Amino acid sequence: MANKVFIIGNGFDVDLGFRTKYSDYYGIWHLNGYWPFENANFGLGKYLNDKVANKKVTRENWLDLEMALFEYAAADNGVASRLEDGNYPVDSDRDDFNLLKENLSQYLNRIPWETKPNDNSVAKTVLHYILDRKDYNIYSFNYTDLKKFSARLFDNATIYDGKEVEIDYTQVHGSLKNNDIVLGVHSDAELIEGYDFLRKIDQPSFNPENLLSDLNKAEEVVIFGLSIGLIDFPYFRNFFKKWSSDVIDSAKKIRISIFTYNDISEQQINKNLRELTKTDLLLLKTNTIFEVFHTVDNGKSDNKRLQTWLLRE
């Protein structure tokens, strides 16, 4: 069996119609009075409140909550302020961080059950293809339950049925079942002393399982809705550098398919890949069958390419 990997990011849930972006969390939770930092007057809570309250959020200019956490506590240029005694407010910031995760979990728990997934989405089409073949190792970076909303997508289940589709997959960043989500910064981030609680890798529900080894052996990788930004670099650095380091025999090419929102998000992914690999991407795109598909405003050429992709062996 060929080693194939399917990686799900938040753009997958968004394409299904779920309002799971961090900017949605702030906007909706704030309007309903549940945003926890409205009256915060110092520390992490105040920084996050100021960050989102003053940001004009659009599809392209979206809120990156995890980057905000990194910017707050980065060792070299973090914006965390010292207290009068010269120490950082580590304990209260840890409380704010835990409150953030708790409230985010409460918000996200509601979304898939209050919103019927979009039957006409590219995400549904691709997921159906992946599940039908049963030969992909699936890794989700999302908190939502793939088994439950797949039942709504494919079995006409309602929120009251409690049905699940049997799917063998790994939730890298925890799940919403016990509010055990993983939120924070990348494993190799240099942080102010005392702020290691922000590292994803140090949180109990962190579970990359075999992701790195599966990527290393992969003959095909499908990435849907993940921008591969700085916070995600440790997961993908070795994989993309491997295919960007030397000329590969054409017979050894692998297929890399990326599904993203539009041409602007595609440009951001290319920028992130250049930063990750420290290359101009010539070798990466020469050594692999590299395709990018837009999930919104697809032209006829994109739709034709997608149909060809779905029909391939």
C-alpha atoms as a PDB file:
ATOM      1  CA  MET A   1       0.000   0.000   0.000  1.00  0.00           C
ATOM      2  CA  ALA A   2       1.337   3.409  -0.971  1.00  0.00           C
ATOM      3  CA  ASN A   3       2.081   5.707   1.929  1.00  0.00           C
ATOM      4  CA  LYS A   4      -0.264   8.666   1.577  1.00  0.00           C
ATOM      5  CA  VAL A   5      -0.874  11.469   4.053  1.00  0.00           C
ATOM      6  CA  PHE A   6      -3.909  13.743   4.346  1.00  0.00           C
ATOM      7  CA  ILE A   7      -3.436  16.800   6.556  1.00  0.00           C
ATOM      8  CA  ILE A   8      -6.372  18.933   7.663  1.00  0.00           C
ATOM      9  CA  GLY A   9      -6.070  22.545   8.802  1.00  0.00           C
ATOM     10  CA  ASN A  10      -8.640  25.093   9.871  1.00  0.00           C
ATOM     11  CA  GLY A  11      -9.304  26.121   6.277  1.00  0.00           C
ATOM     12  CA  PHE A  12     -10.948  22.715   5.876  1.00  0.00           C
ATOM     13  CA  ASP A  13     -13.540  23.501   8.563  1.00  0.00           C
ATOM     14  CA  VAL A  14     -14.001  26.998   7.166  1.00  0.00           C
ATOM     15  CA  ASP A  15     -14.692  25.593   3.687  1.00  0.00           C
ATOM     16  CA  LEU A  16     -17.367  23.366   5.225  1.00  0.00           C
ATOM     17  CA  GLY A  17     -19.065  26.530   6.472  1.00  0.00           C
ATOM     18  CA  PHE A  18     -17.939  26.438  10.103  1.00  0.00           C
ATOM     19  CA  ARG A  19     -17.005  29.762  11.697  1.00  0.00           C
ATOM     20  CA  THR A  20     -13.919  28.368  13.397  1.00  0.00           C
ATOM     21  CA  LYS A  21     -11.360  31.065  12.635  1.00  0.00           C
ATOM     22  CA  TYR A  22      -9.846  32.826  15.642  1.00  0.00           C
ATOM     23  CA  SER A  23     -11.321  36.069  14.332  1.00  0.00           C
ATOM     24  CA  ASP A  24     -14.774  34.440  14.403  1.00  0.00           C
ATOM     25  CA  TYR A  25     -14.150  33.351  17.980  1.00  0.00           C
ATOM     26  CA  TYR A  26     -13.338  36.875  19.052  1.00  0.00           C
ATOM     27  CA  GLY A  27     -16.054  38.535  16.979  1.00  0.00           C
ATOM     28  CA  ILE A  28     -18.959  36.274  17.938  1.00  0.00           C
ATOM     29  CA  TRP A  29     -17.824  35.627  21.516  1.00  0.00           C
ATOM     30  CA  HIS A  30     -17.197  39.335  22.046  1.00  0.00           C
ATOM     31  CA  LEU A  31     -20.613  40.346  20.702  1.00  0.00           C
ATOM     32  CA  ASN A  32     -22.299  37.810  22.984  1.00  0.00           C
ATOM     33  CA  GLY A  33     -20.394  38.926  26.068  1.00  0.00           C
ATOM     34  CA  TYR A  34     -18.248  35.810  26.440  1.00  0.00           C
ATOM     35  CA  TRP A  35     -14.859  37.200  25.397  1.00  0.00           C
ATOM     36  CA  PRO A  36     -12.884  36.759  28.648  1.00  0.00           C
ATOM     37  CA  PHE A  37     -10.527  39.755  28.383  1.00  0.00           C
ATOM     38  CA  GLU A  38     -12.859  42.677  27.801  1.00  0.00           C
ATOM     39  CA  ASN A  39     -11.860  44.313  31.073  1.00  0.00           C
ATOM     40  CA  ALA A  40      -8.294  43.020  31.342  1.00  0.00           C
ATOM     41  CA  ASN A  41      -5.956  45.821  32.430  1.00  0.00           C
ATOM     42  CA  PHE A  42      -2.535  44.131  32.292  1.00  0.00           C
ATOM     43  CA  GLY A  43      -0.583  41.105  31.120  1.00  0.00           C
ATOM     44  CA  LEU A  44      -1.514  38.593  28.457  1.00  0.00           C
ATOM     45  CA  GLY A  45      -5.257  39.220  28.694  1.00  0.00           C
ATOM     46  CA  LYS A  46      -4.872  42.932  27.992  1.00  0.00           C
ATOM     47  CA  TYR A  47      -2.422  42.302  25.166  1.00  0.00           C
ATOM     48  CA  LEU A  48      -4.805  39.872  23.439  1.00  0.00           C
ATOM     49  CA  ASN A  49      -7.762  42.197  23.913  1.00  0.00           C
ATOM     50  CA  ASP A  50      -5.838  45.136  22.467  1.00  0.00           C
ATOM     51  CA  LYS A  51      -4.546  42.958  19.638  1.00  0.00           C
ATOM     52  CA  VAL A  52      -7.943  41.835  18.405  1.00  0.00           C
ATOM     53  CA  ALA A  53      -9.925  44.960  19.262  1.00  0.00           C
ATOM     54  CA  ASN A  54      -7.637  47.140  17.138  1.00  0.00           C
ATOM     55  CA  LYS A  55      -7.278  44.754  14.196  1.00  0.00           C
ATOM     56  CA  LYS A  56      -9.279  45.065  11.013  1.00  0.00           C
ATOM     57  CA  VAL A  57     -10.036  41.422  10.303  1.00  0.00           C
ATOM     58  CA  THR A  58     -10.802  40.283   6.755  1.00  0.00           C
ATOM     59  CA  ARG A  59     -10.466  37.017   4.859  1.00  0.00           C
ATOM     60  CA  GLU A  60      -6.875  37.878   3.969  1.00  0.00           C
ATOM     61  CA  ASN A  61      -6.034  39.904   7.093  1.00  0.00           C
ATOM     62  CA  TRP A  62      -7.106  37.304   9.612  1.00  0.00           C
ATOM     63  CA  LEU A  63      -6.284  36.991  13.270  1.00  0.00           C
ATOM     64  CA  ASP A  64      -3.417  34.622  14.066  1.00  0.00           C
ATOM     65  CA  LEU A  65      -3.944  34.015  17.760  1.00  0.00           C
ATOM     66  CA  GLU A  66      -0.980  31.674  18.134  1.00  0.00           C
ATOM     67  CA  MET A  67       1.394  34.169  16.528  1.00  0.00           C
ATOM     68  CA  ALA A  68       0.049  36.752  18.993  1.00  0.00           C
ATOM     69  CA  LEU A  69       1.025  34.443  21.860  1.00  0.00           C
ATOM     70  CA  PHE A  70       4.508  34.066  20.397  1.00  0.00           C
ATOM     71  CA  GLU A  71       4.910  37.812  19.883  1.00  0.00           C
ATOM     72  CA  TYR A  72       3.901  38.377  23.495  1.00  0.00           C
ATOM     73  CA  ALA A  73       6.430  35.985  25.059  1.00  0.00           C
ATOM     74  CA  ALA A  74       9.277  35.810  22.502  1.00  0.00           C
ATOM     75  CA  ALA A  75      12.631  35.944  24.293  1.00  0.00           C
ATOM     76  CA  ASP A  76      14.280  38.458  21.972  1.00  0.00           C
ATOM     77  CA  ASN A  77      11.509  40.988  21.342  1.00  0.00           C
ATOM     78  CA  GLY A  78       8.425  39.897  23.286  1.00  0.00           C
ATOM     79  CA  VAL A  79       6.029  42.633  24.363  1.00  0.00           C
ATOM     80  CA  ALA A  80       5.293  41.219  27.829  1.00  0.00           C
ATOM     81  CA  SER A  81       5.833  43.950  30.441  1.00  0.00           C
ATOM     82  CA  ARG A  82       7.559  43.471  33.753  1.00  0.00           C
ATOM     83  CA  LEU A  83       5.846  44.135  37.068  1.00  0.00           C
ATOM     84  CA  GLU A  84       7.074  46.708  39.569  1.00  0.00           C
ATOM     85  CA  ASP A  85       9.303  44.096  41.193  1.00  0.00           C
ATOM     86  CA  GLY A  86      11.028  43.459  37.869  1.00  0.00           C
ATOM     87  CA  ASN A  87       9.458  40.039  37.267  1.00  0.00           C
ATOM     88  CA  TYR A  88       7.069  39.048  34.502  1.00  0.00           C
ATOM     89  CA  PRO A  89       3.422  38.284  35.471  1.00  0.00           C
ATOM     90  CA  VAL A  90       3.929  34.597  34.646  1.00  0.00           C
ATOM     91  CA  ASP A  91       1.325  33.177  37.035  1.00  0.00           C
ATOM     92  CA  SER A  92      -1.469  35.529  36.002  1.00  0.00           C
ATOM     93  CA  ASP A  93      -0.530  35.110  32.333  1.00  0.00           C
ATOM     94  CA  ARG A  94      -0.789  31.342  32.754  1.00  0.00           C
ATOM     95  CA  ASP A  95      -4.274  31.849  34.221  1.00  0.00           C
ATOM     96  CA  ASP A  96      -5.211  34.042  31.240  1.00  0.00           C
ATOM     97  CA  PHE A  97      -3.885  31.408  28.843  1.00  0.00           C
ATOM     98  CA  ASN A  98      -5.917  28.643  30.492  1.00  0.00           C
ATOM     99  CA  LEU A  99      -9.002  30.878  30.443  1.00  0.00           C
ATOM    100  CA  LEU A 100      -8.419  31.517  26.749  1.00  0.00           C
ATOM    101  CA  LYS A 101      -8.292  27.783  25.991  1.00  0.00           C
ATOM    102  CA  GLU A 102     -11.392  27.103  28.089  1.00  0.00           C
ATOM    103  CA  ASN A 103     -13.438  29.811  26.373  1.00  0.00           C
ATOM    104  CA  LEU A 104     -12.202  28.863  22.915  1.00  0.00           C
ATOM    105  CA  SER A 105     -13.268  25.269  23.585  1.00  0.00           C
ATOM    106  CA  GLN A 106     -16.730  26.394  24.672  1.00  0.00           C
ATOM    107  CA  TYR A 107     -17.122  28.437  21.506  1.00  0.00           C
ATOM    108  CA  LEU A 108     -15.876  25.765  19.114  1.00  0.00           C
ATOM    109  CA  ASN A 109     -18.002  23.057  20.738  1.00  0.00           C
ATOM    110  CA  ARG A 110     -21.086  24.856  19.475  1.00  0.00           C
ATOM    111  CA  ILE A 111     -20.084  25.503  15.881  1.00  0.00           C
ATOM    112  CA  PRO A 112     -20.399  22.139  14.068  1.00  0.00           C
ATOM    113  CA  TRP A 113     -23.732  21.447  15.718  1.00  0.00           C
ATOM    114  CA  GLU A 114     -25.222  24.877  15.088  1.00  0.00           C
ATOM    115  CA  THR A 115     -24.062  24.910  11.456  1.00  0.00           C
ATOM    116  CA  LYS A 116     -24.919  22.289   8.861  1.00  0.00           C
ATOM    117  CA  PRO A 117     -21.814  21.479   6.785  1.00  0.00           C
ATOM    118  CA  ASN A 118     -21.801  22.771   3.220  1.00  0.00           C
ATOM    119  CA  ASP A 119     -22.759  19.893   0.919  1.00  0.00           C
ATOM    120  CA  ASN A 120     -21.266  21.678  -2.095  1.00  0.00           C
ATOM    121  CA  SER A 121     -17.878  22.421  -0.555  1.00  0.00           C
ATOM    122  CA  VAL A 122     -14.559  21.334  -2.019  1.00  0.00           C
ATOM    123  CA  ALA A 123     -13.751  20.024   1.479  1.00  0.00           C
ATOM    124  CA  LYS A 124     -16.614  17.519   1.300  1.00  0.00           C
ATOM    125  CA  THR A 125     -15.568  16.388  -2.180  1.00  0.00           C
ATOM    126  CA  VAL A 126     -11.958  15.847  -1.148  1.00  0.00           C
ATOM    127  CA  LEU A 127     -12.864  14.170   2.152  1.00  0.00           C
ATOM    128  CA  HIS A 128     -15.193  11.765   0.336  1.00  0.00           C
ATOM    129  CA  TYR A 129     -12.360  10.896  -2.046  1.00  0.00           C
ATOM    130  CA  ILE A 130      -9.894  10.333   0.827  1.00  0.00           C
ATOM    131  CA  LEU A 131     -12.256   8.204   2.929  1.00  0.00           C
ATOM    132  CA  ASP A 132     -13.395   6.157  -0.049  1.00  0.00           C
ATOM    133  CA  ARG A 133      -9.845   4.993  -0.769  1.00  0.00           C
ATOM    134  CA  LYS A 134      -8.969   4.028   2.806  1.00  0.00           C
ATOM    135  CA  ASP A 135      -5.217   4.295   2.167  1.00  0.00           C
ATOM    136  CA  TYR A 136      -4.436   7.711   3.649  1.00  0.00           C
ATOM    137  CA  ASN A 137      -2.962   8.394   7.065  1.00  0.00           C
ATOM    138  CA  ILE A 138      -5.115  11.293   8.265  1.00  0.00           C
ATOM    139  CA  TYR A 139      -3.866  14.009  10.606  1.00  0.00           C
ATOM    140  CA  SER A 140      -6.092  16.839  11.761  1.00  0.00           C
ATOM    141  CA  PHE A 141      -4.747  20.051  13.251  1.00  0.00           C
ATOM    142  CA  ASN A 142      -8.338  21.023  14.096  1.00  0.00           C
ATOM    143  CA  TYR A 143     -10.239  20.540  17.334  1.00  0.00           C
ATOM    144  CA  THR A 144     -13.580  19.615  15.760  1.00  0.00           C
ATOM    145  CA  ASP A 145     -14.672  15.962  15.605  1.00  0.00           C
ATOM    146  CA  LEU A 146     -14.153  14.612  12.085  1.00  0.00           C
ATOM    147  CA  LYS A 147     -16.178  11.470  12.837  1.00  0.00           C
ATOM    148  CA  LYS A 148     -19.266  13.368  13.971  1.00  0.00           C
ATOM    149  CA  PHE A 149     -19.492  16.027  11.303  1.00  0.00           C
ATOM    150  CA  SER A 150     -18.708  13.407   8.645  1.00  0.00           C
ATOM    151  CA  ALA A 151     -21.904  11.691   9.782  1.00  0.00           C
ATOM    152  CA  ARG A 152     -23.741  14.931   9.074  1.00  0.00           C
ATOM    153  CA  LEU A 153     -22.034  15.235   5.696  1.00  0.00           C
ATOM    154  CA  PHE A 154     -22.517  11.695   4.436  1.00  0.00           C
ATOM    155  CA  ASP A 155     -25.264  10.049   6.532  1.00  0.00           C
ATOM    156  CA  ASN A 156     -27.701  12.956   6.958  1.00  0.00           C
ATOM    157  CA  ALA A 157     -27.246  12.747  10.703  1.00  0.00           C
ATOM    158  CA  THR A 158     -28.552  15.521  12.905  1.00  0.00           C
ATOM    159  CA  ILE A 159     -26.944  16.973  16.000  1.00  0.00           C
ATOM    160  CA  TYR A 160     -29.209  14.747  18.063  1.00  0.00           C
ATOM    161  CA  ASP A 161     -28.352  11.408  16.446  1.00  0.00           C
ATOM    162  CA  GLY A 162     -24.960  10.969  18.058  1.00  0.00           C
ATOM    163  CA  LYS A 163     -23.820   9.136  14.914  1.00  0.00           C
ATOM    164  CA  GLU A 164     -20.189   8.850  13.902  1.00  0.00           C
ATOM    165  CA  VAL A 165     -18.405   7.728  10.764  1.00  0.00           C
ATOM    166  CA  GLU A 166     -15.649   5.254  11.549  1.00  0.00           C
ATOM    167  CA  ILE A 167     -12.474   7.125  10.659  1.00  0.00           C
ATOM    168  CA  ASP A 168      -8.980   6.257  11.829  1.00  0.00           C
ATOM    169  CA  TYR A 169      -7.259   9.618  12.246  1.00  0.00           C
ATOM    170  CA  THR A 170      -4.996  11.537  14.605  1.00  0.00           C
ATOM    171  CA  GLN A 171      -5.910  14.853  16.201  1.00  0.00           C
ATOM    172  CA  VAL A 172      -2.502  16.467  16.596  1.00  0.00           C
ATOM    173  CA  HIS A 173      -3.695  19.303  18.818  1.00  0.00           C
ATOM    174  CA  GLY A 174      -6.182  17.541  21.071  1.00  0.00           C
ATOM    175  CA  SER A 175      -9.951  17.655  20.806  1.00  0.00           C
ATOM    176  CA  LEU A 176     -13.003  19.318  22.265  1.00  0.00           C
ATOM    177  CA  LYS A 177     -14.314  16.212  24.013  1.00  0.00           C
ATOM    178  CA  ASN A 178     -12.733  17.027  27.363  1.00  0.00           C
ATOM    179  CA  ASN A 179     -11.697  20.600  26.574  1.00  0.00           C
ATOM    180  CA  ASP A 180      -8.164  19.241  26.129  1.00  0.00           C
ATOM    181  CA  ILE A 181      -7.165  21.385  23.167  1.00  0.00           C
ATOM    182  CA  VAL A 182      -3.541  22.231  22.408  1.00  0.00           C
ATOM    183  CA  LEU A 183      -2.931  25.903  21.710  1.00  0.00           C
ATOM    184  CA  GLY A 184       0.290  27.864  21.638  1.00  0.00           C
ATOM    185  CA  VAL A 185       3.665  28.269  19.981  1.00  0.00           C
ATOM    186  CA  HIS A 186       6.100  26.045  18.096  1.00  0.00           C
ATOM    187  CA  SER A 187       8.429  23.651  19.871  1.00  0.00           C
ATOM    188  CA  ASP A 188      11.660  25.494  19.056  1.00  0.00           C
ATOM    189  CA  ALA A 189      10.412  28.968  19.990  1.00  0.00           C
ATOM    190  CA  GLU A 190      12.754  30.983  22.213  1.00  0.00           C
ATOM    191  CA  LEU A 191      10.571  32.278  25.036  1.00  0.00           C
ATOM    192  CA  ILE A 192      10.916  34.488  28.087  1.00  0.00           C
ATOM    193  CA  GLU A 193      11.822  32.348  31.085  1.00  0.00           C
ATOM    194  CA  GLY A 194       8.703  30.946  32.718  1.00  0.00           C
ATOM    195  CA  TYR A 195       6.532  30.915  29.591  1.00  0.00           C
ATOM    196  CA  ASP A 196       7.167  27.332  28.514  1.00  0.00           C
ATOM    197  CA  PHE A 197       3.490  26.611  29.236  1.00  0.00           C
ATOM    198  CA  LEU A 198       2.801  28.250  25.853  1.00  0.00           C
ATOM    199  CA  ARG A 199       4.661  25.522  23.950  1.00  0.00           C
ATOM    200  CA  LYS A 200       2.344  23.041  22.251  1.00  0.00           C
ATOM    201  CA  ILE A 201       4.840  20.232  22.691  1.00  0.00           C
ATOM    202  CA  ASP A 202       4.723  20.598  26.496  1.00  0.00           C
ATOM    203  CA  GLN A 203       0.931  20.307  26.710  1.00  0.00           C
ATOM    204  CA  PRO A 204      -0.487  16.896  27.728  1.00  0.00           C
ATOM    205  CA  SER A 205      -2.776  16.381  24.704  1.00  0.00           C
ATOM    206  CA  PHE A 206      -0.101  17.131  22.112  1.00  0.00           C
ATOM    207  CA  ASN A 207      -0.103  14.081  19.820  1.00  0.00           C
ATOM    208  CA  PRO A 208       1.855  14.217  16.529  1.00  0.00           C
ATOM    209  CA  GLU A 209       2.129  10.404  16.676  1.00  0.00           C
ATOM    210  CA  ASN A 210       3.725   9.234  13.383  1.00  0.00           C
ATOM    211  CA  LEU A 211       3.274  12.440  11.376  1.00  0.00           C
ATOM    212  CA  LEU A 212       6.968  13.149  10.796  1.00  0.00           C
ATOM    213  CA  SER A 213       7.833   9.566   9.842  1.00  0.00           C
ATOM    214  CA  ASP A 214       4.744   9.260   7.617  1.00  0.00           C
ATOM    215  CA  LEU A 215       5.734  12.455   5.820  1.00  0.00           C
ATOM    216  CA  ASN A 216       9.267  11.167   5.387  1.00  0.00           C
ATOM    217  CA  LYS A 217       8.002   7.982   3.696  1.00  0.00           C
ATOM    218  CA  ALA A 218       5.103   9.572   1.831  1.00  0.00           C
ATOM    219  CA  GLU A 219       4.501   9.081  -1.867  1.00  0.00           C
ATOM    220  CA  GLU A 220       1.618  11.536  -1.777  1.00  0.00           C
ATOM    221  CA  VAL A 221       0.735  14.376   0.595  1.00  0.00           C
ATOM    222  CA  VAL A 222      -2.554  16.284   0.530  1.00  0.00           C
ATOM    223  CA  ILE A 223      -2.787  19.438   2.658  1.00  0.00           C
ATOM    224  CA  PHE A 224      -6.169  21.114   3.012  1.00  0.00           C
ATOM    225  CA  GLY A 225      -6.551  24.492   4.711  1.00  0.00           C
ATOM    226  CA  LEU A 226      -3.178  24.771   6.441  1.00  0.00           C
ATOM    227  CA  SER A 227      -0.956  27.762   5.677  1.00  0.00           C
ATOM    228  CA  ILE A 228       2.277  26.094   6.881  1.00  0.00           C
ATOM    229  CA  GLY A 229       3.266  29.224   8.790  1.00  0.00           C
ATOM    230  CA  LEU A 230       5.954  29.738  11.406  1.00  0.00           C
ATOM    231  CA  ILE A 231       4.002  27.971  14.169  1.00  0.00           C
ATOM    232  CA  ASP A 232       3.743  24.847  11.972  1.00  0.00           C
ATOM    233  CA  PHE A 233       7.351  24.795  10.725  1.00  0.00           C
ATOM    234  CA  PRO A 234       8.610  22.044  13.099  1.00  0.00           C
ATOM    235  CA  TYR A 235       6.109  19.568  11.648  1.00  0.00           C
ATOM    236  CA  PHE A 236       7.032  20.185   8.013  1.00  0.00           C
ATOM    237  CA  ARG A 237      10.612  21.469   7.988  1.00  0.00           C
ATOM    238  CA  ASN A 238      12.328  18.139   7.305  1.00  0.00           C
ATOM    239  CA  PHE A 239       9.768  17.077   4.696  1.00  0.00           C
ATOM    240  CA  PHE A 240       9.933  20.201   2.569  1.00  0.00           C
ATOM    241  CA  LYS A 241      13.702  20.590   2.963  1.00  0.00           C
ATOM    242  CA  LYS A 242      14.143  16.997   1.786  1.00  0.00           C
ATOM    243  CA  TRP A 243      12.445  17.810  -1.511  1.00  0.00           C
ATOM    244  CA  SER A 244      14.205  21.189  -1.813  1.00  0.00           C
ATOM    245  CA  SER A 245      17.803  20.126  -1.203  1.00  0.00           C
ATOM    246  CA  ASP A 246      18.895  18.363  -4.404  1.00  0.00           C
ATOM    247  CA  VAL A 247      17.697  17.299  -7.841  1.00  0.00           C
ATOM    248  CA  ILE A 248      15.593  14.134  -7.566  1.00  0.00           C
ATOM    249  CA  ASP A 249      15.265  11.461 -10.225  1.00  0.00           C
ATOM    250  CA  SER A 250      11.943  11.974 -12.005  1.00  0.00           C
ATOM    251  CA  ALA A 251      10.905   8.412 -11.189  1.00  0.00           C
ATOM    252  CA  LYS A 252      11.046   9.254  -7.495  1.00  0.00           C
ATOM    253  CA  LYS A 253       8.754  12.268  -7.644  1.00  0.00           C
ATOM    254  CA  ILE A 254       5.971  12.437  -5.110  1.00  0.00           C
ATOM    255  CA  ARG A 255       2.685  14.306  -5.408  1.00  0.00           C
ATOM    256  CA  ILE A 256       1.974  17.311  -3.163  1.00  0.00           C
ATOM    257  CA  SER A 257      -1.542  18.744  -3.427  1.00  0.00           C
ATOM    258  CA  ILE A 258      -2.477  21.856  -1.468  1.00  0.00           C
ATOM    259  CA  PHE A 259      -6.019  23.166  -1.120  1.00  0.00           C
ATOM    260  CA  THR A 260      -6.281  26.790  -0.054  1.00  0.00           C
ATOM    261  CA  TYR A 261      -8.762  29.658  -0.182  1.00  0.00           C
ATOM    262  CA  ASN A 262      -7.646  31.740  -3.184  1.00  0.00           C
ATOM    263  CA  ASP A 263      -4.651  33.170  -5.030  1.00  0.00           C
ATOM    264  CA  ILE A 264      -3.768  35.468  -2.123  1.00  0.00           C
ATOM    265  CA  SER A 265      -3.598  32.597   0.361  1.00  0.00           C
ATOM    266  CA  GLU A 266      -1.615  30.622  -2.220  1.00  0.00           C
ATOM    267  CA  GLN A 267       0.937  33.439  -2.377  1.00  0.00           C
ATOM    268  CA  GLN A 268       1.168  33.371   1.432  1.00  0.00           C
ATOM    269  CA  ILE A 269       1.824  29.629   1.388  1.00  0.00           C
ATOM    270  CA  ASN A 270       4.588  30.104  -1.182  1.00  0.00           C
ATOM    271  CA  LYS A 271       6.092  32.817   1.002  1.00  0.00           C
ATOM    272  CA  ASN A 272       5.932  30.533   4.044  1.00  0.00           C
ATOM    273  CA  LEU A 273       7.538  27.667   2.117  1.00  0.00           C
ATOM    274  CA  ARG A 274      10.377  29.932   0.988  1.00  0.00           C
ATOM    275  CA  GLU A 275      11.014  30.913   4.601  1.00  0.00           C
ATOM    276  CA  LEU A 276      10.792  27.294   5.736  1.00  0.00           C
ATOM    277  CA  THR A 277      13.129  25.840   3.102  1.00  0.00           C
ATOM    278  CA  LYS A 278      15.385  28.901   2.639  1.00  0.00           C
ATOM    279  CA  THR A 279      15.093  28.333  -1.129  1.00  0.00           C
ATOM    280  CA  ASP A 280      13.314  29.864  -4.121  1.00  0.00           C
ATOM    281  CA  LEU A 281      11.110  26.696  -4.376  1.00  0.00           C
ATOM    282  CA  LEU A 282      12.552  25.772  -7.796  1.00  0.00           C
ATOM    283  CA  LEU A 283      13.799  22.386  -6.587  1.00  0.00           C
ATOM    284  CA  LEU A 284      10.629  21.700  -4.575  1.00  0.00           C
ATOM    285  CA  LYS A 285       8.374  22.339  -7.546  1.00  0.00           C
ATOM    286  CA  THR A 286      10.708  20.461  -9.901  1.00  0.00           C
ATOM    287  CA  ASN A 287      11.171  17.416  -7.683  1.00  0.00           C
ATOM    288  CA  THR A 288       7.455  16.934  -6.956  1.00  0.00           C
ATOM    289  CA  ILE A 289       4.128  16.974  -8.730  1.00  0.00           C
ATOM    290  CA  PHE A 290       3.114  20.178  -6.966  1.00  0.00           C
ATOM    291  CA  GLU A 291      -0.445  21.424  -7.377  1.00  0.00           C
ATOM    292  CA  VAL A 292      -2.464  24.123  -5.623  1.00  0.00           C
ATOM    293  CA  PHE A 293      -6.260  24.250  -5.771  1.00  0.00           C
ATOM    294  CA  HIS A 294      -8.424  27.196  -4.727  1.00  0.00           C
ATOM    295  CA  THR A 295     -11.575  26.394  -2.774  1.00  0.00           C
ATOM    296  CA  VAL A 296     -13.396  29.631  -3.619  1.00  0.00           C
ATOM    297  CA  ASP A 297     -13.971  31.350  -6.963  1.00  0.00           C
ATOM    298  CA  ASN A 298     -12.550  28.408  -8.880  1.00  0.00           C
ATOM    299  CA  GLY A 299     -12.343  29.101 -12.570  1.00  0.00           C
ATOM    300  CA  LYS A 300     -13.093  26.503 -15.222  1.00  0.00           C
ATOM    301  CA  SER A 301      -9.435  25.502 -15.360  1.00  0.00           C
ATOM    302  CA  ASP A 302      -9.347  24.901 -11.587  1.00  0.00           C
ATOM    303  CA  ASN A 303     -12.514  22.811 -11.695  1.00  0.00           C
ATOM    304  CA  LYS A 304     -11.156  20.783 -14.590  1.00  0.00           C
ATOM    305  CA  ARG A 305      -7.888  20.172 -12.752  1.00  0.00           C
ATOM    306  CA  LEU A 306      -9.789  19.114  -9.635  1.00  0.00           C
ATOM    307  CA  GLN A 307     -11.849  16.603 -11.612  1.00  0.00           C
ATOM    308  CA  THR A 308      -8.655  15.224 -13.131  1.00  0.00           C
ATOM    309  CA  TRP A 309      -7.146  14.982  -9.639  1.00  0.00           C
ATOM    310  CA  LEU A 310     -10.176  13.067  -8.372  1.00  0.00           C
ATOM    311  CA  LEU A 311     -10.033  10.605 -11.260  1.00  0.00           C
ATOM    312  CA  ARG A 312      -6.336   9.788 -11.017  1.00  0.00           C
ATOM    313  CA  GLU A 313      -5.138   6.364  -9.912  1.00  0.00           C
END
